[in-house]
Amino acid sequence: MIHSDTEEIQIIKIISRLPDFSWLLQAKPDKIRSEIHSKIADMLHQYYIENTQGSVGIWTGEFKKYGISESDGKTMIACARRLGLEIS
């Protein structure tokens, strides 16, 4: 599963800038997958809604606060979709 590993790695490289997810850099692959499929997928869904529907939320501000750009957000969403996660 090289393709999914690459997508997971890309998401973790970006999301680990948030203090709550920094531990993922040293996590085992099964724990990373679990976090992506539960917490991170939900967070990316909320971020997507904030940016496409103009709703008020926390993730756009949190991402900016920790140096995660709009381009980084789009990259994570694209990776999550390639992993088969429903973000929109």
PDB file of N, CA and C in Angstrom:
ATOM      1  N   MET A   1       0.823  -1.198   0.000  1.00  0.00           N
ATOM      2  CA  MET A   1       0.000   0.000   0.000  1.00  0.00           C
ATOM      3  C   MET A   1       0.865   1.258   0.000  1.00  0.00           C
ATOM      4  N   ILE A   2       1.757   1.343  -0.911  1.00  0.00           N
ATOM      5  CA  ILE A   2       2.661   2.483  -0.973  1.00  0.00           C
ATOM      6  C   ILE A   2       1.888   3.777  -1.184  1.00  0.00           C
ATOM      7  N   HIS A   3       0.866   3.754  -2.046  1.00  0.00           N
ATOM      8  CA  HIS A   3       0.103   4.964  -2.333  1.00  0.00           C
ATOM      9  C   HIS A   3      -0.549   5.514  -1.068  1.00  0.00           C
ATOM     10  N   SER A   4      -1.218   4.667  -0.292  1.00  0.00           N
ATOM     11  CA  SER A   4      -1.882   5.155   0.915  1.00  0.00           C
ATOM     12  C   SER A   4      -0.867   5.612   1.954  1.00  0.00           C
ATOM     13  N   ASP A   5       0.273   4.927   2.029  1.00  0.00           N
ATOM     14  CA  ASP A   5       1.311   5.355   2.965  1.00  0.00           C
ATOM     15  C   ASP A   5       1.792   6.763   2.622  1.00  0.00           C
ATOM     16  N   THR A   6       1.970   7.025   1.333  1.00  0.00           N
ATOM     17  CA  THR A   6       2.411   8.347   0.888  1.00  0.00           C
ATOM     18  C   THR A   6       1.395   9.416   1.263  1.00  0.00           C
ATOM     19  N   GLU A   7       0.128   9.118   1.070  1.00  0.00           N
ATOM     20  CA  GLU A   7      -0.930  10.079   1.412  1.00  0.00           C
ATOM     21  C   GLU A   7      -0.966  10.324   2.918  1.00  0.00           C
ATOM     22  N   GLU A   8      -0.857   9.265   3.696  1.00  0.00           N
ATOM     23  CA  GLU A   8      -0.862   9.401   5.157  1.00  0.00           C
ATOM     24  C   GLU A   8       0.329  10.218   5.627  1.00  0.00           C
ATOM     25  N   ILE A   9       1.489   9.948   5.071  1.00  0.00           N
ATOM     26  CA  ILE A   9       2.701  10.686   5.445  1.00  0.00           C
ATOM     27  C   ILE A   9       2.540  12.169   5.150  1.00  0.00           C
ATOM     28  N   GLN A  10       1.989  12.495   3.992  1.00  0.00           N
ATOM     29  CA  GLN A  10       1.791  13.899   3.617  1.00  0.00           C
ATOM     30  C   GLN A  10       0.865  14.592   4.610  1.00  0.00           C
ATOM     31  N   ILE A  11      -0.234  13.940   4.972  1.00  0.00           N
ATOM     32  CA  ILE A  11      -1.162  14.527   5.946  1.00  0.00           C
ATOM     33  C   ILE A  11      -0.456  14.748   7.279  1.00  0.00           C
ATOM     34  N   ILE A  12       0.281  13.744   7.744  1.00  0.00           N
ATOM     35  CA  ILE A  12       0.940  13.837   9.048  1.00  0.00           C
ATOM     36  C   ILE A  12       2.016  14.920   9.049  1.00  0.00           C
ATOM     37  N   LYS A  13       2.753  15.059   7.962  1.00  0.00           N
ATOM     38  CA  LYS A  13       3.774  16.122   7.878  1.00  0.00           C
ATOM     39  C   LYS A  13       3.158  17.497   8.125  1.00  0.00           C
ATOM     40  N   ILE A  14       1.953  17.691   7.622  1.00  0.00           N
ATOM     41  CA  ILE A  14       1.302  18.996   7.752  1.00  0.00           C
ATOM     42  C   ILE A  14       0.576  19.117   9.091  1.00  0.00           C
ATOM     43  N   ILE A  15      -0.256  18.160   9.428  1.00  0.00           N
ATOM     44  CA  ILE A  15      -1.112  18.271  10.606  1.00  0.00           C
ATOM     45  C   ILE A  15      -0.310  18.228  11.904  1.00  0.00           C
ATOM     46  N   SER A  16       0.881  17.650  11.847  1.00  0.00           N
ATOM     47  CA  SER A  16       1.697  17.567  13.069  1.00  0.00           C
ATOM     48  C   SER A  16       2.212  18.932  13.521  1.00  0.00           C
ATOM     49  N   ARG A  17       2.007  19.963  12.727  1.00  0.00           N
ATOM     50  CA  ARG A  17       2.353  21.327  13.171  1.00  0.00           C
ATOM     51  C   ARG A  17       1.419  21.792  14.281  1.00  0.00           C
ATOM     52  N   LEU A  18       0.228  21.199  14.335  1.00  0.00           N
ATOM     53  CA  LEU A  18      -0.689  21.504  15.432  1.00  0.00           C
ATOM     54  C   LEU A  18      -0.210  20.750  16.671  1.00  0.00           C
ATOM     55  N   PRO A  19      -0.096  21.431  17.802  1.00  0.00           N
ATOM     56  CA  PRO A  19       0.415  20.771  19.015  1.00  0.00           C
ATOM     57  C   PRO A  19      -0.320  19.483  19.376  1.00  0.00           C
ATOM     58  N   ASP A  20      -1.622  19.440  19.190  1.00  0.00           N
ATOM     59  CA  ASP A  20      -2.396  18.243  19.548  1.00  0.00           C
ATOM     60  C   ASP A  20      -2.068  17.026  18.687  1.00  0.00           C
ATOM     61  N   PHE A  21      -1.420  17.246  17.559  1.00  0.00           N
ATOM     62  CA  PHE A  21      -1.102  16.138  16.659  1.00  0.00           C
ATOM     63  C   PHE A  21       0.401  15.945  16.446  1.00  0.00           C
ATOM     64  N   SER A  22       1.234  16.668  17.166  1.00  0.00           N
ATOM     65  CA  SER A  22       2.687  16.562  16.985  1.00  0.00           C
ATOM     66  C   SER A  22       3.207  15.159  17.297  1.00  0.00           C
ATOM     67  N   TRP A  23       2.551  14.452  18.181  1.00  0.00           N
ATOM     68  CA  TRP A  23       2.960  13.104  18.564  1.00  0.00           C
ATOM     69  C   TRP A  23       2.861  12.105  17.400  1.00  0.00           C
ATOM     70  N   LEU A  24       2.082  12.435  16.378  1.00  0.00           N
ATOM     71  CA  LEU A  24       1.895  11.512  15.261  1.00  0.00           C
ATOM     72  C   LEU A  24       3.175  11.263  14.461  1.00  0.00           C
ATOM     73  N   LEU A  25       4.140  12.165  14.584  1.00  0.00           N
ATOM     74  CA  LEU A  25       5.398  11.981  13.855  1.00  0.00           C
ATOM     75  C   LEU A  25       6.125  10.716  14.313  1.00  0.00           C
ATOM     76  N   GLN A  26       5.889  10.288  15.553  1.00  0.00           N
ATOM     77  CA  GLN A  26       6.526   9.084  16.078  1.00  0.00           C
ATOM     78  C   GLN A  26       5.540   7.922  16.261  1.00  0.00           C
ATOM     79  N   ALA A  27       4.328   8.068  15.797  1.00  0.00           N
ATOM     80  CA  ALA A  27       3.306   7.048  16.008  1.00  0.00           C
ATOM     81  C   ALA A  27       3.468   5.877  15.036  1.00  0.00           C
ATOM     82  N   LYS A  28       2.930   4.756  15.439  1.00  0.00           N
ATOM     83  CA  LYS A  28       2.930   3.563  14.590  1.00  0.00           C
ATOM     84  C   LYS A  28       1.869   3.734  13.496  1.00  0.00           C
ATOM     85  N   PRO A  29       2.089   3.097  12.347  1.00  0.00           N
ATOM     86  CA  PRO A  29       1.169   3.259  11.213  1.00  0.00           C
ATOM     87  C   PRO A  29      -0.303   2.995  11.539  1.00  0.00           C
ATOM     88  N   ASP A  30      -0.598   1.993  12.357  1.00  0.00           N
ATOM     89  CA  ASP A  30      -2.001   1.709  12.666  1.00  0.00           C
ATOM     90  C   ASP A  30      -2.639   2.826  13.477  1.00  0.00           C
ATOM     91  N   LYS A  31      -1.880   3.460  14.357  1.00  0.00           N
ATOM     92  CA  LYS A  31      -2.396   4.593  15.139  1.00  0.00           C
ATOM     93  C   LYS A  31      -2.591   5.811  14.236  1.00  0.00           C
ATOM     94  N   ILE A  32      -1.673   6.022  13.302  1.00  0.00           N
ATOM     95  CA  ILE A  32      -1.797   7.120  12.341  1.00  0.00           C
ATOM     96  C   ILE A  32      -3.075   6.946  11.519  1.00  0.00           C
ATOM     97  N   ARG A  33      -3.293   5.752  10.996  1.00  0.00           N
ATOM     98  CA  ARG A  33      -4.504   5.488  10.204  1.00  0.00           C
ATOM     99  C   ARG A  33      -5.762   5.738  11.016  1.00  0.00           C
ATOM    100  N   SER A  34      -5.740   5.285  12.252  1.00  0.00           N
ATOM    101  CA  SER A  34      -6.891   5.476  13.126  1.00  0.00           C
ATOM    102  C   SER A  34      -7.191   6.964  13.328  1.00  0.00           C
ATOM    103  N   GLU A  35      -6.174   7.754  13.585  1.00  0.00           N
ATOM    104  CA  GLU A  35      -6.349   9.201  13.785  1.00  0.00           C
ATOM    105  C   GLU A  35      -6.841   9.880  12.513  1.00  0.00           C
ATOM    106  N   ILE A  36      -6.285   9.487  11.379  1.00  0.00           N
ATOM    107  CA  ILE A  36      -6.708  10.085  10.109  1.00  0.00           C
ATOM    108  C   ILE A  36      -8.167   9.757   9.826  1.00  0.00           C
ATOM    109  N   HIS A  37      -8.561   8.529  10.041  1.00  0.00           N
ATOM    110  CA  HIS A  37      -9.920   8.105   9.718  1.00  0.00           C
ATOM    111  C   HIS A  37     -10.956   8.594  10.724  1.00  0.00           C
ATOM    112  N   SER A  38     -10.526   9.027  11.866  1.00  0.00           N
ATOM    113  CA  SER A  38     -11.497   9.518  12.846  1.00  0.00           C
ATOM    114  C   SER A  38     -11.345  11.025  13.042  1.00  0.00           C
ATOM    115  N   LYS A  39     -10.421  11.433  13.839  1.00  0.00           N
ATOM    116  CA  LYS A  39     -10.300  12.851  14.213  1.00  0.00           C
ATOM    117  C   LYS A  39      -9.895  13.763  13.065  1.00  0.00           C
ATOM    118  N   ILE A  40      -8.889  13.390  12.321  1.00  0.00           N
ATOM    119  CA  ILE A  40      -8.371  14.274  11.273  1.00  0.00           C
ATOM    120  C   ILE A  40      -9.376  14.405  10.127  1.00  0.00           C
ATOM    121  N   ALA A  41     -10.032  13.329   9.752  1.00  0.00           N
ATOM    122  CA  ALA A  41     -11.048  13.400   8.696  1.00  0.00           C
ATOM    123  C   ALA A  41     -12.165  14.358   9.086  1.00  0.00           C
ATOM    124  N   ASP A  42     -12.611  14.281  10.327  1.00  0.00           N
ATOM    125  CA  ASP A  42     -13.666  15.180  10.801  1.00  0.00           C
ATOM    126  C   ASP A  42     -13.187  16.629  10.797  1.00  0.00           C
ATOM    127  N   MET A  43     -11.963  16.847  11.245  1.00  0.00           N
ATOM    128  CA  MET A  43     -11.394  18.190  11.255  1.00  0.00           C
ATOM    129  C   MET A  43     -11.285  18.751   9.836  1.00  0.00           C
ATOM    130  N   LEU A  44     -10.819  17.943   8.902  1.00  0.00           N
ATOM    131  CA  LEU A  44     -10.708  18.393   7.513  1.00  0.00           C
ATOM    132  C   LEU A  44     -12.072  18.675   6.907  1.00  0.00           C
ATOM    133  N   HIS A  45     -13.066  17.902   7.283  1.00  0.00           N
ATOM    134  CA  HIS A  45     -14.434  18.163   6.827  1.00  0.00           C
ATOM    135  C   HIS A  45     -14.890  19.534   7.330  1.00  0.00           C
ATOM    136  N   GLN A  46     -14.667  19.814   8.595  1.00  0.00           N
ATOM    137  CA  GLN A  46     -15.057  21.111   9.162  1.00  0.00           C
ATOM    138  C   GLN A  46     -14.286  22.246   8.491  1.00  0.00           C
ATOM    139  N   TYR A  47     -12.992  22.055   8.274  1.00  0.00           N
ATOM    140  CA  TYR A  47     -12.163  23.053   7.590  1.00  0.00           C
ATOM    141  C   TYR A  47     -12.701  23.300   6.177  1.00  0.00           C
ATOM    142  N   TYR A  48     -13.049  22.240   5.466  1.00  0.00           N
ATOM    143  CA  TYR A  48     -13.600  22.350   4.112  1.00  0.00           C
ATOM    144  C   TYR A  48     -14.883  23.187   4.128  1.00  0.00           C
ATOM    145  N   ILE A  49     -15.774  22.909   5.063  1.00  0.00           N
ATOM    146  CA  ILE A  49     -17.035  23.656   5.179  1.00  0.00           C
ATOM    147  C   ILE A  49     -16.754  25.130   5.468  1.00  0.00           C
ATOM    148  N   GLU A  50     -15.820  25.398   6.372  1.00  0.00           N
ATOM    149  CA  GLU A  50     -15.470  26.786   6.689  1.00  0.00           C
ATOM    150  C   GLU A  50     -15.028  27.532   5.434  1.00  0.00           C
ATOM    151  N   ASN A  51     -14.263  26.875   4.599  1.00  0.00           N
ATOM    152  CA  ASN A  51     -13.669  27.539   3.442  1.00  0.00           C
ATOM    153  C   ASN A  51     -14.516  27.526   2.187  1.00  0.00           C
ATOM    154  N   THR A  52     -15.513  26.674   2.120  1.00  0.00           N
ATOM    155  CA  THR A  52     -16.344  26.634   0.922  1.00  0.00           C
ATOM    156  C   THR A  52     -17.718  27.250   1.142  1.00  0.00           C
ATOM    157  N   GLN A  53     -18.175  27.251   2.387  1.00  0.00           N
ATOM    158  CA  GLN A  53     -19.502  27.780   2.665  1.00  0.00           C
ATOM    159  C   GLN A  53     -19.446  29.038   3.526  1.00  0.00           C
ATOM    160  N   GLY A  54     -18.245  29.471   3.852  1.00  0.00           N
ATOM    161  CA  GLY A  54     -18.093  30.691   4.636  1.00  0.00           C
ATOM    162  C   GLY A  54     -18.625  30.595   6.049  1.00  0.00           C
ATOM    163  N   SER A  55     -18.752  29.381   6.563  1.00  0.00           N
ATOM    164  CA  SER A  55     -19.249  29.234   7.926  1.00  0.00           C
ATOM    165  C   SER A  55     -18.145  29.555   8.929  1.00  0.00           C
ATOM    166  N   VAL A  56     -18.566  29.958  10.092  1.00  0.00           N
ATOM    167  CA  VAL A  56     -17.622  30.290  11.147  1.00  0.00           C
ATOM    168  C   VAL A  56     -17.195  29.006  11.838  1.00  0.00           C
ATOM    169  N   GLY A  57     -15.915  28.849  12.007  1.00  0.00           N
ATOM    170  CA  GLY A  57     -15.373  27.676  12.675  1.00  0.00           C
ATOM    171  C   GLY A  57     -14.018  27.993  13.269  1.00  0.00           C
ATOM    172  N   ILE A  58     -13.356  26.966  13.752  1.00  0.00           N
ATOM    173  CA  ILE A  58     -12.068  27.199  14.412  1.00  0.00           C
ATOM    174  C   ILE A  58     -10.867  26.781  13.581  1.00  0.00           C
ATOM    175  N   TRP A  59     -11.063  25.882  12.619  1.00  0.00           N
ATOM    176  CA  TRP A  59      -9.897  25.269  11.996  1.00  0.00           C
ATOM    177  C   TRP A  59      -9.114  26.187  11.070  1.00  0.00           C
ATOM    178  N   THR A  60      -9.747  27.056  10.349  1.00  0.00           N
ATOM    179  CA  THR A  60      -9.002  27.967   9.474  1.00  0.00           C
ATOM    180  C   THR A  60      -8.059  28.819  10.300  1.00  0.00           C
ATOM    181  N   GLY A  61      -8.542  29.359  11.389  1.00  0.00           N
ATOM    182  CA  GLY A  61      -7.705  30.169  12.281  1.00  0.00           C
ATOM    183  C   GLY A  61      -6.613  29.365  12.950  1.00  0.00           C
ATOM    184  N   GLU A  62      -6.945  28.173  13.403  1.00  0.00           N
ATOM    185  CA  GLU A  62      -5.941  27.305  14.049  1.00  0.00           C
ATOM    186  C   GLU A  62      -4.841  26.929  13.067  1.00  0.00           C
ATOM    187  N   PHE A  63      -5.228  26.586  11.848  1.00  0.00           N
ATOM    188  CA  PHE A  63      -4.238  26.231  10.850  1.00  0.00           C
ATOM    189  C   PHE A  63      -3.289  27.404  10.608  1.00  0.00           C
ATOM    190  N   LYS A  64      -3.839  28.592  10.405  1.00  0.00           N
ATOM    191  CA  LYS A  64      -3.005  29.772  10.173  1.00  0.00           C
ATOM    192  C   LYS A  64      -2.081  30.027  11.352  1.00  0.00           C
ATOM    193  N   LYS A  65      -2.605  29.899  12.544  1.00  0.00           N
ATOM    194  CA  LYS A  65      -1.839  30.140  13.773  1.00  0.00           C
ATOM    195  C   LYS A  65      -0.573  29.281  13.831  1.00  0.00           C
ATOM    196  N   TYR A  66      -0.653  28.078  13.310  1.00  0.00           N
ATOM    197  CA  TYR A  66       0.481  27.156  13.372  1.00  0.00           C
ATOM    198  C   TYR A  66       1.178  26.953  12.030  1.00  0.00           C
ATOM    199  N   GLY A  67       0.988  27.893  11.127  1.00  0.00           N
ATOM    200  CA  GLY A  67       1.730  27.886   9.866  1.00  0.00           C
ATOM    201  C   GLY A  67       1.234  26.909   8.824  1.00  0.00           C
ATOM    202  N   ILE A  68      -0.032  26.513   8.918  1.00  0.00           N
ATOM    203  CA  ILE A  68      -0.618  25.639   7.905  1.00  0.00           C
ATOM    204  C   ILE A  68      -1.389  26.529   6.940  1.00  0.00           C
ATOM    205  N   SER A  69      -0.880  26.616   5.726  1.00  0.00           N
ATOM    206  CA  SER A  69      -1.451  27.514   4.721  1.00  0.00           C
ATOM    207  C   SER A  69      -2.703  26.918   4.082  1.00  0.00           C
ATOM    208  N   GLU A  70      -3.379  27.739   3.304  1.00  0.00           N
ATOM    209  CA  GLU A  70      -4.541  27.265   2.554  1.00  0.00           C
ATOM    210  C   GLU A  70      -4.114  26.152   1.592  1.00  0.00           C
ATOM    211  N   SER A  71      -2.953  26.297   0.986  1.00  0.00           N
ATOM    212  CA  SER A  71      -2.419  25.272   0.095  1.00  0.00           C
ATOM    213  C   SER A  71      -2.187  23.958   0.850  1.00  0.00           C
ATOM    214  N   ASP A  72      -1.659  24.054   2.071  1.00  0.00           N
ATOM    215  CA  ASP A  72      -1.471  22.860   2.902  1.00  0.00           C
ATOM    216  C   ASP A  72      -2.816  22.198   3.195  1.00  0.00           C
ATOM    217  N   GLY A  73      -3.817  23.014   3.501  1.00  0.00           N
ATOM    218  CA  GLY A  73      -5.151  22.484   3.772  1.00  0.00           C
ATOM    219  C   GLY A  73      -5.704  21.747   2.567  1.00  0.00           C
ATOM    220  N   LYS A  74      -5.531  22.341   1.385  1.00  0.00           N
ATOM    221  CA  LYS A  74      -5.995  21.696   0.160  1.00  0.00           C
ATOM    222  C   LYS A  74      -5.248  20.392  -0.091  1.00  0.00           C
ATOM    223  N   THR A  75      -3.964  20.378   0.207  1.00  0.00           N
ATOM    224  CA  THR A  75      -3.166  19.162   0.048  1.00  0.00           C
ATOM    225  C   THR A  75      -3.678  18.066   0.961  1.00  0.00           C
ATOM    226  N   MET A  76      -3.947  18.403   2.224  1.00  0.00           N
ATOM    227  CA  MET A  76      -4.459  17.392   3.153  1.00  0.00           C
ATOM    228  C   MET A  76      -5.811  16.858   2.697  1.00  0.00           C
ATOM    229  N   ILE A  77      -6.673  17.739   2.218  1.00  0.00           N
ATOM    230  CA  ILE A  77      -7.988  17.317   1.744  1.00  0.00           C
ATOM    231  C   ILE A  77      -7.838  16.385   0.538  1.00  0.00           C
ATOM    232  N   ALA A  78      -6.965  16.728  -0.386  1.00  0.00           N
ATOM    233  CA  ALA A  78      -6.742  15.881  -1.563  1.00  0.00           C
ATOM    234  C   ALA A  78      -6.201  14.513  -1.148  1.00  0.00           C
ATOM    235  N   CYS A  79      -5.265  14.502  -0.222  1.00  0.00           N
ATOM    236  CA  CYS A  79      -4.718  13.226   0.255  1.00  0.00           C
ATOM    237  C   CYS A  79      -5.804  12.394   0.935  1.00  0.00           C
ATOM    238  N   ALA A  80      -6.608  13.033   1.757  1.00  0.00           N
ATOM    239  CA  ALA A  80      -7.680  12.323   2.458  1.00  0.00           C
ATOM    240  C   ALA A  80      -8.673  11.725   1.455  1.00  0.00           C
ATOM    241  N   ARG A  81      -8.986  12.470   0.432  1.00  0.00           N
ATOM    242  CA  ARG A  81      -9.899  11.947  -0.595  1.00  0.00           C
ATOM    243  C   ARG A  81      -9.298  10.748  -1.313  1.00  0.00           C
ATOM    244  N   ARG A  82      -8.001  10.807  -1.599  1.00  0.00           N
ATOM    245  CA  ARG A  82      -7.340   9.666  -2.256  1.00  0.00           C
ATOM    246  C   ARG A  82      -7.315   8.446  -1.341  1.00  0.00           C
ATOM    247  N   LEU A  83      -7.403   8.692  -0.041  1.00  0.00           N
ATOM    248  CA  LEU A  83      -7.500   7.582   0.918  1.00  0.00           C
ATOM    249  C   LEU A  83      -8.928   7.062   1.030  1.00  0.00           C
ATOM    250  N   GLY A  84      -9.845   7.690   0.309  1.00  0.00           N
ATOM    251  CA  GLY A  84     -11.235   7.246   0.303  1.00  0.00           C
ATOM    252  C   GLY A  84     -12.111   7.897   1.352  1.00  0.00           C
ATOM    253  N   LEU A  85     -11.626   8.953   1.985  1.00  0.00           N
ATOM    254  CA  LEU A  85     -12.410   9.639   3.015  1.00  0.00           C
ATOM    255  C   LEU A  85     -13.316  10.688   2.386  1.00  0.00           C
ATOM    256  N   GLU A  86     -14.511  10.786   2.874  1.00  0.00           N
ATOM    257  CA  GLU A  86     -15.487  11.790   2.410  1.00  0.00           C
ATOM    258  C   GLU A  86     -15.257  13.062   3.208  1.00  0.00           C
ATOM    259  N   ILE A  87     -14.801  14.096   2.539  1.00  0.00           N
ATOM    260  CA  ILE A  87     -14.479  15.358   3.199  1.00  0.00           C
ATOM    261  C   ILE A  87     -15.562  16.406   2.942  1.00  0.00           C
ATOM    262  N   SER A  88     -16.113  16.436   1.740  1.00  0.00           N
ATOM    263  CA  SER A  88     -17.101  17.471   1.394  1.00  0.00           C
ATOM    264  C   SER A  88     -18.491  17.129   1.841  1.00  0.00           C
TER     265      SER A  88
END
